[in-house]
N, C-alpha and C. Protein backbone atom coordinates (compact mmCIF):
# COMPACT_ATOMS: atom_id res chain seq x y z
N UNK A 1 12.46 6.01 -9.09
CA UNK A 1 11.04 6.19 -8.84
C UNK A 1 10.24 5.47 -9.93
N UNK A 2 10.70 5.55 -11.18
CA UNK A 2 9.98 4.89 -12.27
C UNK A 2 9.91 3.38 -12.07
N UNK A 3 11.01 2.79 -11.62
CA UNK A 3 11.02 1.35 -11.36
C UNK A 3 10.05 0.96 -10.27
N UNK A 4 10.02 1.74 -9.19
CA UNK A 4 9.11 1.47 -8.08
C UNK A 4 7.66 1.62 -8.53
N UNK A 5 7.36 2.68 -9.27
CA UNK A 5 6.00 2.88 -9.77
C UNK A 5 5.59 1.76 -10.72
N UNK A 6 6.53 1.26 -11.50
CA UNK A 6 6.22 0.16 -12.42
C UNK A 6 5.81 -1.08 -11.64
N UNK A 7 6.58 -1.43 -10.63
CA UNK A 7 6.27 -2.63 -9.82
C UNK A 7 4.93 -2.46 -9.12
N UNK A 8 4.69 -1.30 -8.53
CA UNK A 8 3.46 -1.07 -7.78
C UNK A 8 2.23 -1.01 -8.69
N UNK A 9 2.36 -0.41 -9.86
CA UNK A 9 1.20 -0.24 -10.73
C UNK A 9 0.85 -1.50 -11.51
N UNK A 10 1.85 -2.31 -11.86
CA UNK A 10 1.58 -3.51 -12.64
C UNK A 10 1.37 -4.74 -11.78
N UNK A 11 1.90 -4.71 -10.56
CA UNK A 11 1.81 -5.89 -9.70
C UNK A 11 2.83 -6.96 -10.07
N UNK A 12 3.74 -6.63 -10.99
CA UNK A 12 4.77 -7.58 -11.38
C UNK A 12 5.73 -7.82 -10.23
N UNK A 13 6.41 -8.93 -10.30
CA UNK A 13 7.41 -9.23 -9.29
C UNK A 13 8.67 -8.41 -9.56
N UNK A 14 9.47 -8.26 -8.53
CA UNK A 14 10.69 -7.46 -8.64
C UNK A 14 11.57 -7.97 -9.78
N UNK A 15 11.65 -9.26 -9.94
CA UNK A 15 12.55 -9.80 -10.96
C UNK A 15 12.04 -9.58 -12.39
N UNK A 16 10.80 -9.10 -12.55
CA UNK A 16 10.23 -8.87 -13.88
C UNK A 16 10.36 -7.41 -14.33
N UNK A 17 11.18 -6.62 -13.65
CA UNK A 17 11.36 -5.23 -14.05
C UNK A 17 12.05 -5.20 -15.41
N UNK A 18 11.49 -4.44 -16.37
CA UNK A 18 12.09 -4.38 -17.72
C UNK A 18 13.53 -3.85 -17.70
N UNK A 19 14.24 -4.18 -18.74
CA UNK A 19 15.66 -3.81 -18.83
C UNK A 19 15.87 -2.30 -18.99
N UNK A 20 14.86 -1.56 -19.46
CA UNK A 20 15.04 -0.11 -19.63
C UNK A 20 14.91 0.66 -18.32
N UNK A 21 14.59 -0.04 -17.23
CA UNK A 21 14.55 0.56 -15.89
C UNK A 21 15.77 0.09 -15.12
N UNK A 22 16.08 0.71 -13.99
CA UNK A 22 17.26 0.29 -13.21
C UNK A 22 17.12 -1.17 -12.75
N UNK A 23 18.23 -1.80 -12.37
CA UNK A 23 18.18 -3.19 -11.89
C UNK A 23 17.28 -3.31 -10.66
N UNK A 24 16.70 -4.48 -10.48
CA UNK A 24 15.77 -4.68 -9.35
C UNK A 24 16.43 -4.43 -8.01
N UNK A 25 17.71 -4.73 -7.89
CA UNK A 25 18.39 -4.50 -6.61
C UNK A 25 18.44 -3.00 -6.29
N UNK A 26 18.64 -2.18 -7.30
CA UNK A 26 18.66 -0.73 -7.10
C UNK A 26 17.28 -0.21 -6.72
N UNK A 27 16.27 -0.66 -7.45
CA UNK A 27 14.89 -0.23 -7.17
C UNK A 27 14.49 -0.66 -5.76
N UNK A 28 14.81 -1.90 -5.40
CA UNK A 28 14.45 -2.40 -4.07
C UNK A 28 15.23 -1.67 -2.99
N UNK A 29 16.48 -1.31 -3.25
CA UNK A 29 17.28 -0.56 -2.28
C UNK A 29 16.62 0.78 -1.97
N UNK A 30 16.21 1.50 -3.01
CA UNK A 30 15.55 2.80 -2.79
C UNK A 30 14.20 2.62 -2.10
N UNK A 31 13.46 1.59 -2.49
CA UNK A 31 12.17 1.33 -1.84
C UNK A 31 12.36 1.12 -0.34
N UNK A 32 13.29 0.28 0.05
CA UNK A 32 13.55 0.01 1.47
C UNK A 32 14.04 1.27 2.19
N UNK A 33 14.94 1.99 1.54
CA UNK A 33 15.49 3.22 2.14
C UNK A 33 14.39 4.26 2.37
N UNK A 34 13.54 4.47 1.35
CA UNK A 34 12.47 5.46 1.46
C UNK A 34 11.40 5.03 2.45
N UNK A 35 11.17 3.74 2.56
CA UNK A 35 10.19 3.24 3.51
C UNK A 35 10.73 3.41 4.94
N UNK A 36 12.00 3.11 5.15
CA UNK A 36 12.59 3.20 6.49
C UNK A 36 12.67 4.64 7.00
N UNK A 37 13.00 5.59 6.12
CA UNK A 37 13.15 6.97 6.59
C UNK A 37 11.87 7.80 6.49
N UNK A 38 10.77 7.18 6.08
CA UNK A 38 9.48 7.86 6.05
C UNK A 38 9.23 8.67 4.79
N UNK A 39 10.10 8.58 3.81
CA UNK A 39 9.94 9.35 2.57
C UNK A 39 8.66 8.95 1.83
N UNK A 40 8.33 7.67 1.78
CA UNK A 40 7.12 7.24 1.07
C UNK A 40 5.87 7.82 1.73
N UNK A 41 5.86 7.86 3.07
CA UNK A 41 4.72 8.46 3.77
C UNK A 41 4.61 9.95 3.47
N UNK A 42 5.74 10.66 3.52
CA UNK A 42 5.73 12.10 3.25
C UNK A 42 5.31 12.40 1.82
N UNK A 43 5.78 11.59 0.88
CA UNK A 43 5.41 11.76 -0.52
C UNK A 43 3.91 11.53 -0.71
N UNK A 44 3.39 10.47 -0.10
CA UNK A 44 1.96 10.17 -0.19
C UNK A 44 1.13 11.31 0.39
N UNK A 45 1.54 11.81 1.55
CA UNK A 45 0.80 12.90 2.19
C UNK A 45 0.81 14.16 1.32
N UNK A 46 1.97 14.51 0.78
CA UNK A 46 2.08 15.70 -0.06
C UNK A 46 1.21 15.57 -1.31
N UNK A 47 1.19 14.39 -1.92
CA UNK A 47 0.36 14.19 -3.10
C UNK A 47 -1.13 14.25 -2.77
N UNK A 48 -1.52 13.71 -1.61
CA UNK A 48 -2.93 13.78 -1.19
C UNK A 48 -3.36 15.23 -0.99
N UNK A 49 -2.52 16.01 -0.31
CA UNK A 49 -2.83 17.42 -0.07
C UNK A 49 -2.94 18.15 -1.40
N UNK A 50 -2.01 17.92 -2.32
CA UNK A 50 -2.02 18.58 -3.62
C UNK A 50 -3.27 18.22 -4.42
N UNK A 51 -3.63 16.94 -4.43
CA UNK A 51 -4.84 16.51 -5.16
C UNK A 51 -6.09 17.13 -4.58
N UNK A 52 -6.19 17.19 -3.25
CA UNK A 52 -7.37 17.79 -2.62
C UNK A 52 -7.46 19.28 -2.95
N UNK A 53 -6.32 19.97 -2.93
CA UNK A 53 -6.33 21.41 -3.25
C UNK A 53 -6.69 21.65 -4.71
N UNK A 54 -6.22 20.80 -5.61
CA UNK A 54 -6.56 20.95 -7.02
C UNK A 54 -8.05 20.69 -7.27
N UNK A 55 -8.68 19.92 -6.41
CA UNK A 55 -10.12 19.65 -6.52
C UNK A 55 -10.93 20.69 -5.74
N UNK A 56 -10.29 21.79 -5.34
CA UNK A 56 -10.94 22.86 -4.57
C UNK A 56 -11.55 22.34 -3.27
N UNK A 57 -10.80 21.50 -2.57
CA UNK A 57 -11.22 20.98 -1.27
C UNK A 57 -10.18 21.39 -0.24
N UNK A 58 -10.56 21.28 1.02
CA UNK A 58 -9.61 21.55 2.10
C UNK A 58 -8.44 20.56 2.00
N UNK A 59 -7.25 21.00 2.41
CA UNK A 59 -6.07 20.13 2.34
C UNK A 59 -6.24 18.88 3.20
N UNK A 60 -6.91 19.03 4.33
CA UNK A 60 -7.18 17.88 5.21
C UNK A 60 -8.69 17.71 5.34
N UNK A 61 -9.17 16.48 5.31
CA UNK A 61 -10.61 16.27 5.46
C UNK A 61 -11.09 16.80 6.81
N UNK A 62 -12.27 17.39 6.83
CA UNK A 62 -12.81 17.94 8.07
C UNK A 62 -13.94 17.08 8.62
N UNK A 63 -14.34 16.04 7.91
CA UNK A 63 -15.43 15.19 8.36
C UNK A 63 -15.15 13.75 7.93
N UNK A 64 -15.79 12.83 8.62
CA UNK A 64 -15.67 11.42 8.26
C UNK A 64 -17.05 10.79 8.33
N UNK A 65 -17.27 9.78 7.54
CA UNK A 65 -18.54 9.06 7.53
C UNK A 65 -18.29 7.66 8.06
N UNK A 66 -19.05 7.28 9.05
CA UNK A 66 -18.95 5.94 9.62
C UNK A 66 -20.26 5.25 9.36
N UNK A 67 -20.23 4.14 8.66
CA UNK A 67 -21.48 3.44 8.39
C UNK A 67 -21.82 2.49 9.53
N UNK A 68 -23.06 2.06 9.58
CA UNK A 68 -23.53 1.23 10.70
C UNK A 68 -22.82 -0.11 10.75
N UNK A 69 -22.39 -0.64 9.62
CA UNK A 69 -21.70 -1.93 9.60
C UNK A 69 -20.35 -1.82 10.31
N UNK A 70 -19.65 -0.72 10.12
CA UNK A 70 -18.36 -0.53 10.79
C UNK A 70 -18.54 -0.45 12.29
N UNK A 71 -19.58 0.22 12.72
CA UNK A 71 -19.85 0.36 14.15
C UNK A 71 -20.18 -1.00 14.75
N UNK A 72 -21.00 -1.80 14.05
CA UNK A 72 -21.37 -3.13 14.54
C UNK A 72 -20.14 -4.02 14.69
N UNK A 73 -19.24 -4.01 13.71
CA UNK A 73 -18.07 -4.88 13.81
C UNK A 73 -17.14 -4.43 14.93
N UNK A 74 -17.06 -3.12 15.18
CA UNK A 74 -16.22 -2.62 16.27
C UNK A 74 -16.80 -3.03 17.62
N UNK A 75 -18.12 -3.03 17.73
CA UNK A 75 -18.76 -3.41 18.99
C UNK A 75 -18.55 -4.89 19.30
N UNK A 76 -18.43 -5.70 18.27
CA UNK A 76 -18.30 -7.15 18.45
C UNK A 76 -16.84 -7.60 18.47
N UNK A 77 -15.93 -6.71 18.69
CA UNK A 77 -14.50 -7.09 18.70
C UNK A 77 -13.92 -7.04 17.32
N UNK A 78 -14.06 -5.93 16.65
CA UNK A 78 -13.66 -5.76 15.27
C UNK A 78 -12.22 -6.15 14.98
N UNK A 79 -11.29 -5.81 15.86
CA UNK A 79 -9.88 -6.10 15.59
C UNK A 79 -9.64 -7.59 15.46
N UNK A 80 -10.23 -8.38 16.33
CA UNK A 80 -10.06 -9.83 16.27
C UNK A 80 -10.69 -10.39 15.01
N UNK A 81 -11.87 -9.88 14.63
CA UNK A 81 -12.53 -10.36 13.43
C UNK A 81 -11.74 -9.99 12.17
N UNK A 82 -11.20 -8.79 12.16
CA UNK A 82 -10.39 -8.37 11.02
C UNK A 82 -9.14 -9.24 10.92
N UNK A 83 -8.52 -9.52 12.06
CA UNK A 83 -7.33 -10.36 12.07
C UNK A 83 -7.64 -11.75 11.52
N UNK A 84 -8.78 -12.35 11.93
CA UNK A 84 -9.16 -13.67 11.44
C UNK A 84 -9.43 -13.64 9.95
N UNK A 85 -10.09 -12.61 9.48
CA UNK A 85 -10.39 -12.50 8.06
C UNK A 85 -9.12 -12.36 7.24
N UNK A 86 -8.16 -11.57 7.72
CA UNK A 86 -6.93 -11.39 6.96
C UNK A 86 -6.09 -12.66 6.97
N UNK A 87 -6.14 -13.43 8.06
CA UNK A 87 -5.42 -14.69 8.09
C UNK A 87 -6.01 -15.65 7.07
N UNK A 88 -7.33 -15.70 6.96
CA UNK A 88 -7.98 -16.57 5.99
C UNK A 88 -7.61 -16.14 4.58
N UNK A 89 -7.55 -14.84 4.34
CA UNK A 89 -7.19 -14.35 3.01
C UNK A 89 -5.75 -14.71 2.68
N UNK A 90 -4.86 -14.61 3.63
CA UNK A 90 -3.46 -14.96 3.37
C UNK A 90 -3.33 -16.44 3.02
N UNK A 91 -4.03 -17.28 3.76
CA UNK A 91 -3.96 -18.71 3.48
C UNK A 91 -4.47 -19.01 2.08
N UNK A 92 -5.56 -18.36 1.66
CA UNK A 92 -6.11 -18.65 0.35
C UNK A 92 -5.16 -18.20 -0.75
N UNK A 93 -4.43 -17.09 -0.56
CA UNK A 93 -3.47 -16.65 -1.56
C UNK A 93 -2.35 -17.67 -1.72
N UNK A 94 -1.90 -18.21 -0.60
CA UNK A 94 -0.83 -19.20 -0.67
C UNK A 94 -1.31 -20.44 -1.40
N UNK A 95 -2.51 -20.87 -1.12
CA UNK A 95 -3.05 -22.05 -1.79
C UNK A 95 -3.21 -21.81 -3.29
N UNK A 96 -3.53 -20.59 -3.68
CA UNK A 96 -3.70 -20.28 -5.09
C UNK A 96 -2.36 -20.14 -5.81
N UNK A 97 -1.28 -20.03 -5.06
CA UNK A 97 0.03 -19.88 -5.66
C UNK A 97 0.38 -18.45 -5.99
N UNK A 98 -0.41 -17.48 -5.52
CA UNK A 98 -0.09 -16.08 -5.77
C UNK A 98 0.46 -15.47 -4.50
N UNK A 99 1.15 -14.36 -4.66
CA UNK A 99 1.69 -13.67 -3.49
C UNK A 99 1.83 -12.20 -3.81
N UNK A 100 2.14 -11.41 -2.79
CA UNK A 100 2.37 -9.97 -3.00
C UNK A 100 3.76 -9.82 -3.56
N UNK A 101 3.85 -9.20 -4.71
CA UNK A 101 5.17 -9.07 -5.35
C UNK A 101 6.02 -7.98 -4.70
N UNK A 102 5.39 -7.03 -3.99
CA UNK A 102 6.17 -5.94 -3.41
C UNK A 102 6.55 -6.21 -1.99
N UNK A 103 6.10 -7.29 -1.40
CA UNK A 103 6.44 -7.58 0.00
C UNK A 103 7.78 -8.27 0.03
N UNK A 104 8.72 -7.59 0.61
CA UNK A 104 10.07 -8.14 0.76
C UNK A 104 10.68 -7.51 2.00
N UNK A 105 11.36 -8.31 2.75
CA UNK A 105 12.00 -7.79 3.97
C UNK A 105 13.09 -6.81 3.58
N UNK A 106 13.07 -5.65 4.20
CA UNK A 106 14.09 -4.63 3.92
C UNK A 106 15.19 -4.69 4.92
């Protein structure tokens, strides 16, 4: 868990994991395993519930706020616009020579 948190919090690449943590192959193995069996989702959900309860709030949100800009984009075909925007962002990252360090096929 420490190795995974290190990669996620620093944004470092898998191969830059310090020697005092487990080898990158071990960390990546657990990451893929926990992602495939839903453990990361369950852990995230449990931590969200715990944080909300510690803040004296309901475990699950009971209301949502939708701003007018979100409604406008949904009316104009929001999914297609979001897809185009994310494609443009991906292309720009590649041109800059940067990439997501945690994205790896499991």
